[in-house]
Amino acid sequence: MATGPALPSTPEPLPLGALSDPLLVDPGPRLLHAVVEAYREAAPALVEPTVQNLSGEAEGDVEGGEEGNLDSWELPTLKVVAGESAIDVATAGFRPASRLAALLDADLLDLRVLDAPQPNPVLAGAETGFALVESVDRDAAGAPSRWHRVGDDASLRERYASAFAAAEPYGLRTPSRRRVYEGFAARCDESVATAVLRALDVEPAGNGGPDPEETRIRAYAVGAREGALDRTLRRACEDAGLGSPSTFTRIKRLLREADLIETVSEPQPVGRPRERLAARGALAAAETPEETVAAVRGVTE
């Protein structure tokens, strides 16, 4: 049977749903990553849906309540106030950032920016609260972090509630996988949406995937490789949360200067001709997501 998200703590995992109205204060990058990972393990189709998940939903082929995959209403909502630098580290790269974006989209995380560091991370509910002290098994190579619960203080929730209420929301620049897929599927079609996600999933070893600029370049390059209309593609990128149409005018210029794309004018019975994109060079020759990514690697200002 599926269980809710739980932190890897000592002596046993700590279910976040065991706390009433939980508030997490000043998690470092590893603890914030562990929180997102706990939600991903509980609801992978929500937090990190595969192309098959998304295309199946679009076709109406959805079976709810799968074992090991909870629905959003079954998951606890967590308030988090964290240092901006810690959030930036935890969301470096498309993959980890898109997981966090999925939780924000589903209103399962309310993420705000902490203005001053605290002595230790704190997790508090309405009835109890405690500090979290990180512990790593030094005898096991590559062992993940775990956290010890220290103290039992019911006043912690109230003590930090005002700091959370006064904090500014964190503006995440990366969209969720679901938003990316739906943006391209609606403006272009599902084959383009699928190709974009597969290109974004290509990542070097030890990396969380492309940064925001490389994400935009990959997405636009895939649209060009698929022969999309320029205006339609720029609007799809905007709907997908990747940037404004003017941002993609710049991306288009970068790819043209690299001789990787061109535009083909299509006359219309009425009005100005439409511009359809076409791939050139290494981008035109690319047959796999990995080859597409290799073709545009290094395309920057």
C-alpha atoms as a PDB file:
ATOM      1  CA  MET A   1       0.000   0.000   0.000  1.00  0.00           C
ATOM      2  CA  ALA A   2       1.255   3.488  -0.813  1.00  0.00           C
ATOM      3  CA  THR A   3       2.516   5.589   2.073  1.00  0.00           C
ATOM      4  CA  GLY A   4       2.973   9.321   2.339  1.00  0.00           C
ATOM      5  CA  PRO A   5       6.247  11.240   2.125  1.00  0.00           C
ATOM      6  CA  ALA A   6       8.670  10.564   4.982  1.00  0.00           C
ATOM      7  CA  LEU A   7      12.050  12.062   5.817  1.00  0.00           C
ATOM      8  CA  PRO A   8      15.000   9.698   6.193  1.00  0.00           C
ATOM      9  CA  SER A   9      15.437  10.179   9.932  1.00  0.00           C
ATOM     10  CA  THR A  10      16.861   8.200  12.841  1.00  0.00           C
ATOM     11  CA  PRO A  11      15.796   5.831  14.331  1.00  0.00           C
ATOM     12  CA  GLU A  12      12.985   5.457  11.756  1.00  0.00           C
ATOM     13  CA  PRO A  13      11.552   7.464   8.844  1.00  0.00           C
ATOM     14  CA  LEU A  14       9.488  10.481   9.844  1.00  0.00           C
ATOM     15  CA  PRO A  15       6.144  10.742   7.988  1.00  0.00           C
ATOM     16  CA  LEU A  16       5.428  14.389   7.237  1.00  0.00           C
ATOM     17  CA  GLY A  17       1.724  13.636   7.472  1.00  0.00           C
ATOM     18  CA  ALA A  18       2.162  12.767  11.158  1.00  0.00           C
ATOM     19  CA  LEU A  19       2.503  16.481  11.913  1.00  0.00           C
ATOM     20  CA  SER A  20      -0.430  18.872  11.840  1.00  0.00           C
ATOM     21  CA  ASP A  21       0.176  21.848   9.519  1.00  0.00           C
ATOM     22  CA  PRO A  22       3.941  21.167   9.333  1.00  0.00           C
ATOM     23  CA  LEU A  23       6.468  23.968   8.916  1.00  0.00           C
ATOM     24  CA  LEU A  24      10.087  23.341   7.905  1.00  0.00           C
ATOM     25  CA  VAL A  25      12.529  26.115   8.787  1.00  0.00           C
ATOM     26  CA  ASP A  26      15.981  26.700   7.257  1.00  0.00           C
ATOM     27  CA  PRO A  27      16.648  23.377   5.545  1.00  0.00           C
ATOM     28  CA  GLY A  28      19.985  23.152   3.791  1.00  0.00           C
ATOM     29  CA  PRO A  29      20.190  21.922   0.198  1.00  0.00           C
ATOM     30  CA  ARG A  30      20.423  18.237   1.195  1.00  0.00           C
ATOM     31  CA  LEU A  31      17.418  18.386   3.510  1.00  0.00           C
ATOM     32  CA  LEU A  32      15.346  20.307   0.966  1.00  0.00           C
ATOM     33  CA  HIS A  33      16.340  17.746  -1.676  1.00  0.00           C
ATOM     34  CA  ALA A  34      15.324  14.946   0.718  1.00  0.00           C
ATOM     35  CA  VAL A  35      11.899  16.542   1.191  1.00  0.00           C
ATOM     36  CA  VAL A  36      11.271  16.742  -2.564  1.00  0.00           C
ATOM     37  CA  GLU A  37      12.569  13.200  -3.015  1.00  0.00           C
ATOM     38  CA  ALA A  38      10.176  11.962  -0.308  1.00  0.00           C
ATOM     39  CA  TYR A  39       7.239  13.413  -2.233  1.00  0.00           C
ATOM     40  CA  ARG A  40       8.588  11.983  -5.487  1.00  0.00           C
ATOM     41  CA  GLU A  41       8.777   8.490  -4.003  1.00  0.00           C
ATOM     42  CA  ALA A  42       5.201   8.791  -2.725  1.00  0.00           C
ATOM     43  CA  ALA A  43       3.743  10.238  -5.949  1.00  0.00           C
ATOM     44  CA  PRO A  44       6.137   9.870  -8.903  1.00  0.00           C
ATOM     45  CA  ALA A  45       3.442  10.510 -11.531  1.00  0.00           C
ATOM     46  CA  LEU A  46       2.724  13.861  -9.897  1.00  0.00           C
ATOM     47  CA  VAL A  47       6.252  15.019  -9.105  1.00  0.00           C
ATOM     48  CA  GLU A  48       8.179  13.562 -12.049  1.00  0.00           C
ATOM     49  CA  PRO A  49       5.718  12.190 -14.609  1.00  0.00           C
ATOM     50  CA  THR A  50       7.155  10.224 -17.490  1.00  0.00           C
ATOM     51  CA  VAL A  51       6.278  10.924 -21.099  1.00  0.00           C
ATOM     52  CA  GLN A  52       4.079   7.821 -20.935  1.00  0.00           C
ATOM     53  CA  ASN A  53       2.238   9.227 -17.886  1.00  0.00           C
ATOM     54  CA  LEU A  54       1.572  12.532 -19.615  1.00  0.00           C
ATOM     55  CA  SER A  55       0.613  11.149 -23.007  1.00  0.00           C
ATOM     56  CA  GLY A  56      -1.673   8.600 -21.340  1.00  0.00           C
ATOM     57  CA  GLU A  57      -3.444  11.383 -19.443  1.00  0.00           C
ATOM     58  CA  ALA A  58      -3.876  13.351 -22.662  1.00  0.00           C
ATOM     59  CA  GLU A  59      -5.523  10.306 -24.242  1.00  0.00           C
ATOM     60  CA  GLY A  60      -7.747   9.695 -21.218  1.00  0.00           C
ATOM     61  CA  ASP A  61      -5.925   6.467 -20.323  1.00  0.00           C
ATOM     62  CA  VAL A  62      -5.587   7.187 -16.595  1.00  0.00           C
ATOM     63  CA  GLU A  63      -5.999   4.775 -13.749  1.00  0.00           C
ATOM     64  CA  GLY A  64      -6.106   6.489 -10.368  1.00  0.00           C
ATOM     65  CA  GLY A  65      -4.953   5.025  -7.078  1.00  0.00           C
ATOM     66  CA  GLU A  66      -2.077   2.963  -8.437  1.00  0.00           C
ATOM     67  CA  GLU A  67      -0.084   1.236  -5.726  1.00  0.00           C
ATOM     68  CA  GLY A  68       2.950   3.332  -4.779  1.00  0.00           C
ATOM     69  CA  ASN A  69       1.562   6.458  -6.442  1.00  0.00           C
ATOM     70  CA  LEU A  70      -0.590   8.678  -4.249  1.00  0.00           C
ATOM     71  CA  ASP A  71      -2.914  11.396  -5.528  1.00  0.00           C
ATOM     72  CA  SER A  72      -2.243  15.014  -4.526  1.00  0.00           C
ATOM     73  CA  TRP A  73      -5.191  15.085  -2.089  1.00  0.00           C
ATOM     74  CA  GLU A  74      -3.598  12.213  -0.160  1.00  0.00           C
ATOM     75  CA  LEU A  75      -0.351  14.118   0.416  1.00  0.00           C
ATOM     76  CA  PRO A  76       0.377  16.558   3.244  1.00  0.00           C
ATOM     77  CA  THR A  77       0.939  20.240   2.508  1.00  0.00           C
ATOM     78  CA  LEU A  78       4.273  21.531   3.822  1.00  0.00           C
ATOM     79  CA  LYS A  79       5.250  25.116   4.537  1.00  0.00           C
ATOM     80  CA  VAL A  80       8.959  25.753   3.967  1.00  0.00           C
ATOM     81  CA  VAL A  81      11.014  28.857   4.691  1.00  0.00           C
ATOM     82  CA  ALA A  82      14.584  28.447   3.453  1.00  0.00           C
ATOM     83  CA  GLY A  83      17.659  30.460   2.570  1.00  0.00           C
ATOM     84  CA  GLU A  84      17.691  31.552  -1.060  1.00  0.00           C
ATOM     85  CA  SER A  85      21.168  30.114  -1.640  1.00  0.00           C
ATOM     86  CA  ALA A  86      20.071  26.726  -0.275  1.00  0.00           C
ATOM     87  CA  ILE A  87      17.080  26.678  -2.623  1.00  0.00           C
ATOM     88  CA  ASP A  88      19.272  27.648  -5.572  1.00  0.00           C
ATOM     89  CA  VAL A  89      21.665  24.759  -4.867  1.00  0.00           C
ATOM     90  CA  ALA A  90      18.834  22.258  -4.376  1.00  0.00           C
ATOM     91  CA  THR A  91      17.206  23.284  -7.679  1.00  0.00           C
ATOM     92  CA  ALA A  92      20.287  23.487  -9.897  1.00  0.00           C
ATOM     93  CA  GLY A  93      19.389  21.826 -13.197  1.00  0.00           C
ATOM     94  CA  PHE A  94      16.067  21.110 -14.880  1.00  0.00           C
ATOM     95  CA  ARG A  95      15.333  17.773 -13.227  1.00  0.00           C
ATOM     96  CA  PRO A  96      15.476  18.748  -9.502  1.00  0.00           C
ATOM     97  CA  ALA A  97      13.936  22.159 -10.191  1.00  0.00           C
ATOM     98  CA  SER A  98      11.029  20.676 -12.160  1.00  0.00           C
ATOM     99  CA  ARG A  99      10.279  18.286  -9.274  1.00  0.00           C
ATOM    100  CA  LEU A 100      10.013  21.213  -6.878  1.00  0.00           C
ATOM    101  CA  ALA A 101       7.916  23.118  -9.431  1.00  0.00           C
ATOM    102  CA  ALA A 102       5.456  20.214  -9.552  1.00  0.00           C
ATOM    103  CA  LEU A 103       4.943  20.459  -5.785  1.00  0.00           C
ATOM    104  CA  LEU A 104       4.443  24.214  -6.030  1.00  0.00           C
ATOM    105  CA  ASP A 105       1.938  23.764  -8.884  1.00  0.00           C
ATOM    106  CA  ALA A 106      -0.010  21.238  -6.796  1.00  0.00           C
ATOM    107  CA  ASP A 107       0.025  23.556  -3.738  1.00  0.00           C
ATOM    108  CA  LEU A 108       1.763  20.863  -1.721  1.00  0.00           C
ATOM    109  CA  LEU A 109       4.698  23.157  -0.916  1.00  0.00           C
ATOM    110  CA  ASP A 110       4.473  26.791   0.124  1.00  0.00           C
ATOM    111  CA  LEU A 111       8.082  27.888  -0.328  1.00  0.00           C
ATOM    112  CA  ARG A 112       9.329  31.212   1.025  1.00  0.00           C
ATOM    113  CA  VAL A 113      12.708  32.905   1.479  1.00  0.00           C
ATOM    114  CA  LEU A 114      14.296  33.052   4.929  1.00  0.00           C
ATOM    115  CA  ASP A 115      16.058  36.330   5.731  1.00  0.00           C
ATOM    116  CA  ALA A 116      18.378  35.045   8.495  1.00  0.00           C
ATOM    117  CA  PRO A 117      19.919  31.584   9.098  1.00  0.00           C
ATOM    118  CA  GLN A 118      18.914  29.573  12.156  1.00  0.00           C
ATOM    119  CA  PRO A 119      21.142  27.430  14.429  1.00  0.00           C
ATOM    120  CA  ASN A 120      19.548  24.231  13.086  1.00  0.00           C
ATOM    121  CA  PRO A 121      16.764  23.239  10.728  1.00  0.00           C
ATOM    122  CA  VAL A 122      13.451  22.947  12.533  1.00  0.00           C
ATOM    123  CA  LEU A 123      10.390  20.876  11.694  1.00  0.00           C
ATOM    124  CA  ALA A 124       7.301  21.838  13.676  1.00  0.00           C
ATOM    125  CA  GLY A 125       3.628  20.942  13.766  1.00  0.00           C
ATOM    126  CA  ALA A 126       0.751  22.188  15.863  1.00  0.00           C
ATOM    127  CA  GLU A 127       1.438  19.691  18.675  1.00  0.00           C
ATOM    128  CA  THR A 128       5.213  19.287  18.627  1.00  0.00           C
ATOM    129  CA  GLY A 129       8.424  20.485  17.029  1.00  0.00           C
ATOM    130  CA  PHE A 130      12.100  19.619  17.011  1.00  0.00           C
ATOM    131  CA  ALA A 131      15.475  20.469  15.545  1.00  0.00           C
ATOM    132  CA  LEU A 132      16.905  18.272  12.797  1.00  0.00           C
ATOM    133  CA  VAL A 133      20.583  17.380  12.991  1.00  0.00           C
ATOM    134  CA  GLU A 134      22.174  15.801   9.923  1.00  0.00           C
ATOM    135  CA  SER A 135      23.953  12.500  10.231  1.00  0.00           C
ATOM    136  CA  VAL A 136      25.857  10.584   7.549  1.00  0.00           C
ATOM    137  CA  ASP A 137      27.031   7.013   7.881  1.00  0.00           C
ATOM    138  CA  ARG A 138      30.748   7.556   7.304  1.00  0.00           C
ATOM    139  CA  ASP A 139      31.369   3.801   7.095  1.00  0.00           C
ATOM    140  CA  ALA A 140      29.230   3.425   3.990  1.00  0.00           C
ATOM    141  CA  ALA A 141      30.571   5.036   0.822  1.00  0.00           C
ATOM    142  CA  GLY A 142      27.942   7.236  -0.762  1.00  0.00           C
ATOM    143  CA  ALA A 143      25.490   6.730   2.098  1.00  0.00           C
ATOM    144  CA  PRO A 144      22.633   9.251   2.055  1.00  0.00           C
ATOM    145  CA  SER A 145      22.147  11.732   4.845  1.00  0.00           C
ATOM    146  CA  ARG A 146      19.744  11.032   7.670  1.00  0.00           C
ATOM    147  CA  TRP A 147      18.444  13.384  10.343  1.00  0.00           C
ATOM    148  CA  HIS A 148      18.162  13.046  14.112  1.00  0.00           C
ATOM    149  CA  ARG A 149      15.178  14.607  15.836  1.00  0.00           C
ATOM    150  CA  VAL A 150      16.283  16.701  18.822  1.00  0.00           C
ATOM    151  CA  GLY A 151      13.840  18.036  21.415  1.00  0.00           C
ATOM    152  CA  ASP A 152      10.064  18.139  21.712  1.00  0.00           C
ATOM    153  CA  ASP A 153       8.765  21.692  21.845  1.00  0.00           C
ATOM    154  CA  ALA A 154       5.163  22.515  21.005  1.00  0.00           C
ATOM    155  CA  SER A 155       5.970  26.256  20.946  1.00  0.00           C
ATOM    156  CA  LEU A 156       8.261  25.999  17.912  1.00  0.00           C
ATOM    157  CA  ARG A 157       5.392  26.156  15.414  1.00  0.00           C
ATOM    158  CA  GLU A 158       4.114  29.427  16.867  1.00  0.00           C
ATOM    159  CA  ARG A 159       7.618  30.841  17.228  1.00  0.00           C
ATOM    160  CA  TYR A 160       8.368  30.531  13.519  1.00  0.00           C
ATOM    161  CA  ALA A 161       4.870  31.160  12.132  1.00  0.00           C
ATOM    162  CA  SER A 162       5.338  34.939  12.035  1.00  0.00           C
ATOM    163  CA  ALA A 163       8.689  34.630  10.216  1.00  0.00           C
ATOM    164  CA  PHE A 164       7.053  32.427   7.608  1.00  0.00           C
ATOM    165  CA  ALA A 165       4.101  34.805   7.194  1.00  0.00           C
ATOM    166  CA  ALA A 166       6.452  37.757   6.640  1.00  0.00           C
ATOM    167  CA  ALA A 167       8.727  35.939   4.173  1.00  0.00           C
ATOM    168  CA  GLU A 168       8.538  36.489   0.410  1.00  0.00           C
ATOM    169  CA  PRO A 169       7.591  33.588  -1.892  1.00  0.00           C
ATOM    170  CA  TYR A 170      10.482  32.067  -3.819  1.00  0.00           C
ATOM    171  CA  GLY A 171      10.258  32.679  -7.566  1.00  0.00           C
ATOM    172  CA  LEU A 172      11.302  29.437  -9.236  1.00  0.00           C
ATOM    173  CA  ARG A 173      12.412  29.979 -12.847  1.00  0.00           C
ATOM    174  CA  THR A 174      11.930  26.376 -13.944  1.00  0.00           C
ATOM    175  CA  PRO A 175       8.508  24.878 -14.784  1.00  0.00           C
ATOM    176  CA  SER A 176       7.309  21.399 -13.945  1.00  0.00           C
ATOM    177  CA  ARG A 177       7.492  18.617 -16.508  1.00  0.00           C
ATOM    178  CA  ARG A 178       3.706  18.614 -16.709  1.00  0.00           C
ATOM    179  CA  ARG A 179       3.576  22.315 -17.584  1.00  0.00           C
ATOM    180  CA  VAL A 180       6.264  21.877 -20.246  1.00  0.00           C
ATOM    181  CA  TYR A 181       4.426  18.964 -21.833  1.00  0.00           C
ATOM    182  CA  GLU A 182       1.023  20.648 -21.753  1.00  0.00           C
ATOM    183  CA  GLY A 183       2.371  23.923 -23.149  1.00  0.00           C
ATOM    184  CA  PHE A 184       3.909  22.271 -26.205  1.00  0.00           C
ATOM    185  CA  ALA A 185       1.093  19.756 -26.683  1.00  0.00           C
ATOM    186  CA  ALA A 186      -1.518  22.519 -26.778  1.00  0.00           C
ATOM    187  CA  ARG A 187       0.321  24.898 -29.141  1.00  0.00           C
ATOM    188  CA  CYS A 188       2.156  22.349 -31.314  1.00  0.00           C
ATOM    189  CA  ASP A 189       1.231  18.707 -30.754  1.00  0.00           C
ATOM    190  CA  GLU A 190       2.021  15.786 -28.476  1.00  0.00           C
ATOM    191  CA  SER A 191       4.916  14.567 -30.616  1.00  0.00           C
ATOM    192  CA  VAL A 192       6.693  17.917 -30.176  1.00  0.00           C
ATOM    193  CA  ALA A 193       5.916  17.907 -26.427  1.00  0.00           C
ATOM    194  CA  THR A 194       7.369  14.417 -26.143  1.00  0.00           C
ATOM    195  CA  ALA A 195      10.500  15.347 -28.095  1.00  0.00           C
ATOM    196  CA  VAL A 196      11.070  18.428 -25.911  1.00  0.00           C
ATOM    197  CA  LEU A 197      10.863  16.460 -22.665  1.00  0.00           C
ATOM    198  CA  ARG A 198      13.160  13.750 -23.962  1.00  0.00           C
ATOM    199  CA  ALA A 199      15.735  16.379 -24.913  1.00  0.00           C
ATOM    200  CA  LEU A 200      15.469  17.983 -21.471  1.00  0.00           C
ATOM    201  CA  ASP A 201      16.007  14.588 -19.859  1.00  0.00           C
ATOM    202  CA  VAL A 202      19.455  14.259 -21.439  1.00  0.00           C
ATOM    203  CA  GLU A 203      21.982  15.154 -18.771  1.00  0.00           C
ATOM    204  CA  PRO A 204      25.726  14.770 -18.295  1.00  0.00           C
ATOM    205  CA  ALA A 205      26.820  12.334 -15.577  1.00  0.00           C
ATOM    206  CA  GLY A 206      26.599  13.883 -12.141  1.00  0.00           C
ATOM    207  CA  ASN A 207      24.453  16.777 -13.362  1.00  0.00           C
ATOM    208  CA  GLY A 208      20.812  17.591 -12.683  1.00  0.00           C
ATOM    209  CA  GLY A 209      20.144  18.486 -16.300  1.00  0.00           C
ATOM    210  CA  PRO A 210      20.262  21.745 -18.263  1.00  0.00           C
ATOM    211  CA  ASP A 211      20.259  25.147 -16.597  1.00  0.00           C
ATOM    212  CA  PRO A 212      17.454  27.609 -17.527  1.00  0.00           C
ATOM    213  CA  GLU A 213      19.290  29.031 -20.553  1.00  0.00           C
ATOM    214  CA  GLU A 214      20.222  25.630 -21.944  1.00  0.00           C
ATOM    215  CA  THR A 215      16.671  24.435 -21.273  1.00  0.00           C
ATOM    216  CA  ARG A 216      15.318  27.229 -23.475  1.00  0.00           C
ATOM    217  CA  ILE A 217      17.839  26.498 -26.228  1.00  0.00           C
ATOM    218  CA  ARG A 218      17.054  22.765 -26.244  1.00  0.00           C
ATOM    219  CA  ALA A 219      13.298  23.341 -26.298  1.00  0.00           C
ATOM    220  CA  TYR A 220      13.391  25.830 -29.172  1.00  0.00           C
ATOM    221  CA  ALA A 221      15.861  23.676 -31.118  1.00  0.00           C
ATOM    222  CA  VAL A 222      13.547  20.669 -30.815  1.00  0.00           C
ATOM    223  CA  GLY A 223      10.630  22.751 -32.106  1.00  0.00           C
ATOM    224  CA  ALA A 224      12.726  23.860 -35.054  1.00  0.00           C
ATOM    225  CA  ARG A 225      13.810  20.268 -35.667  1.00  0.00           C
ATOM    226  CA  GLU A 226      10.107  19.337 -35.782  1.00  0.00           C
ATOM    227  CA  GLY A 227       9.341  22.116 -38.302  1.00  0.00           C
ATOM    228  CA  ALA A 228       7.123  24.262 -36.069  1.00  0.00           C
ATOM    229  CA  LEU A 229       5.926  27.730 -37.022  1.00  0.00           C
ATOM    230  CA  ASP A 230       8.133  30.342 -35.363  1.00  0.00           C
ATOM    231  CA  ARG A 231       5.277  32.296 -33.758  1.00  0.00           C
ATOM    232  CA  THR A 232       3.554  29.123 -32.570  1.00  0.00           C
ATOM    233  CA  LEU A 233       6.780  27.784 -31.078  1.00  0.00           C
ATOM    234  CA  ARG A 234       7.532  30.996 -29.193  1.00  0.00           C
ATOM    235  CA  ARG A 235       4.017  30.997 -27.739  1.00  0.00           C
ATOM    236  CA  ALA A 236       4.397  27.326 -26.781  1.00  0.00           C
ATOM    237  CA  CYS A 237       7.623  28.131 -24.956  1.00  0.00           C
ATOM    238  CA  GLU A 238       5.813  30.900 -23.086  1.00  0.00           C
ATOM    239  CA  ASP A 239       2.883  28.632 -22.163  1.00  0.00           C
ATOM    240  CA  ALA A 240       5.383  26.027 -20.958  1.00  0.00           C
ATOM    241  CA  GLY A 241       6.860  28.551 -18.516  1.00  0.00           C
ATOM    242  CA  LEU A 242      10.261  28.730 -20.202  1.00  0.00           C
ATOM    243  CA  GLY A 243      10.291  32.455 -20.990  1.00  0.00           C
ATOM    244  CA  SER A 244       8.593  35.241 -22.897  1.00  0.00           C
ATOM    245  CA  PRO A 245       8.264  35.316 -26.713  1.00  0.00           C
ATOM    246  CA  SER A 246      10.936  38.042 -26.788  1.00  0.00           C
ATOM    247  CA  THR A 247      13.294  35.710 -24.917  1.00  0.00           C
ATOM    248  CA  PHE A 248      12.865  33.165 -27.685  1.00  0.00           C
ATOM    249  CA  THR A 249      13.471  35.785 -30.351  1.00  0.00           C
ATOM    250  CA  ARG A 250      16.948  35.950 -28.814  1.00  0.00           C
ATOM    251  CA  ILE A 251      17.247  32.136 -28.706  1.00  0.00           C
ATOM    252  CA  LYS A 252      16.250  32.016 -32.367  1.00  0.00           C
ATOM    253  CA  ARG A 253      19.016  34.505 -33.187  1.00  0.00           C
ATOM    254  CA  LEU A 254      21.614  32.410 -31.337  1.00  0.00           C
ATOM    255  CA  LEU A 255      20.658  29.261 -33.232  1.00  0.00           C
ATOM    256  CA  ARG A 256      20.645  31.097 -36.568  1.00  0.00           C
ATOM    257  CA  GLU A 257      24.091  32.565 -35.876  1.00  0.00           C
ATOM    258  CA  ALA A 258      25.302  29.034 -35.109  1.00  0.00           C
ATOM    259  CA  ASP A 259      23.890  27.976 -38.524  1.00  0.00           C
ATOM    260  CA  LEU A 260      21.633  25.396 -36.875  1.00  0.00           C
ATOM    261  CA  ILE A 261      18.247  26.718 -38.014  1.00  0.00           C
ATOM    262  CA  GLU A 262      16.678  28.697 -40.824  1.00  0.00           C
ATOM    263  CA  THR A 263      13.212  30.002 -41.583  1.00  0.00           C
ATOM    264  CA  VAL A 264      11.099  29.222 -44.604  1.00  0.00           C
ATOM    265  CA  SER A 265       8.468  31.748 -45.655  1.00  0.00           C
ATOM    266  CA  GLU A 266       4.985  30.349 -46.318  1.00  0.00           C
ATOM    267  CA  PRO A 267       2.723  32.751 -48.296  1.00  0.00           C
ATOM    268  CA  GLN A 268      -0.854  33.106 -47.043  1.00  0.00           C
ATOM    269  CA  PRO A 269      -3.998  34.049 -49.010  1.00  0.00           C
ATOM    270  CA  VAL A 270      -4.430  37.010 -46.662  1.00  0.00           C
ATOM    271  CA  GLY A 271      -1.882  38.771 -44.490  1.00  0.00           C
ATOM    272  CA  ARG A 272       1.838  38.409 -44.022  1.00  0.00           C
ATOM    273  CA  PRO A 273       3.637  35.143 -44.829  1.00  0.00           C
ATOM    274  CA  ARG A 274       4.215  32.709 -41.972  1.00  0.00           C
ATOM    275  CA  GLU A 275       7.716  31.689 -40.946  1.00  0.00           C
ATOM    276  CA  ARG A 276       8.268  27.967 -40.525  1.00  0.00           C
ATOM    277  CA  LEU A 277      11.455  26.808 -38.853  1.00  0.00           C
ATOM    278  CA  ALA A 278      13.812  24.251 -40.321  1.00  0.00           C
ATOM    279  CA  ALA A 279      16.907  22.624 -38.851  1.00  0.00           C
ATOM    280  CA  ARG A 280      20.327  22.875 -40.469  1.00  0.00           C
ATOM    281  CA  GLY A 281      23.688  21.196 -40.062  1.00  0.00           C
ATOM    282  CA  ALA A 282      24.193  18.997 -37.025  1.00  0.00           C
ATOM    283  CA  LEU A 283      20.684  19.750 -35.760  1.00  0.00           C
ATOM    284  CA  ALA A 284      19.127  18.559 -39.018  1.00  0.00           C
ATOM    285  CA  ALA A 285      21.224  15.391 -38.872  1.00  0.00           C
ATOM    286  CA  ALA A 286      20.289  14.622 -35.242  1.00  0.00           C
ATOM    287  CA  GLU A 287      18.161  11.495 -34.887  1.00  0.00           C
ATOM    288  CA  THR A 288      18.117  11.004 -31.110  1.00  0.00           C
ATOM    289  CA  PRO A 289      17.619  13.315 -28.116  1.00  0.00           C
ATOM    290  CA  GLU A 290      21.299  12.901 -27.270  1.00  0.00           C
ATOM    291  CA  GLU A 291      22.348  13.976 -30.773  1.00  0.00           C
ATOM    292  CA  THR A 292      19.979  16.963 -30.625  1.00  0.00           C
ATOM    293  CA  VAL A 293      21.521  18.086 -27.337  1.00  0.00           C
ATOM    294  CA  ALA A 294      25.039  17.586 -28.687  1.00  0.00           C
ATOM    295  CA  ALA A 295      24.198  19.712 -31.739  1.00  0.00           C
ATOM    296  CA  VAL A 296      23.210  22.759 -29.658  1.00  0.00           C
ATOM    297  CA  ARG A 297      25.779  22.359 -26.897  1.00  0.00           C
ATOM    298  CA  GLY A 298      27.775  25.549 -26.508  1.00  0.00           C
ATOM    299  CA  VAL A 299      25.185  27.791 -28.187  1.00  0.00           C
ATOM    300  CA  THR A 300      25.251  30.811 -25.861  1.00  0.00           C
ATOM    301  CA  GLU A 301      25.677  34.568 -25.972  1.00  0.00           C
END
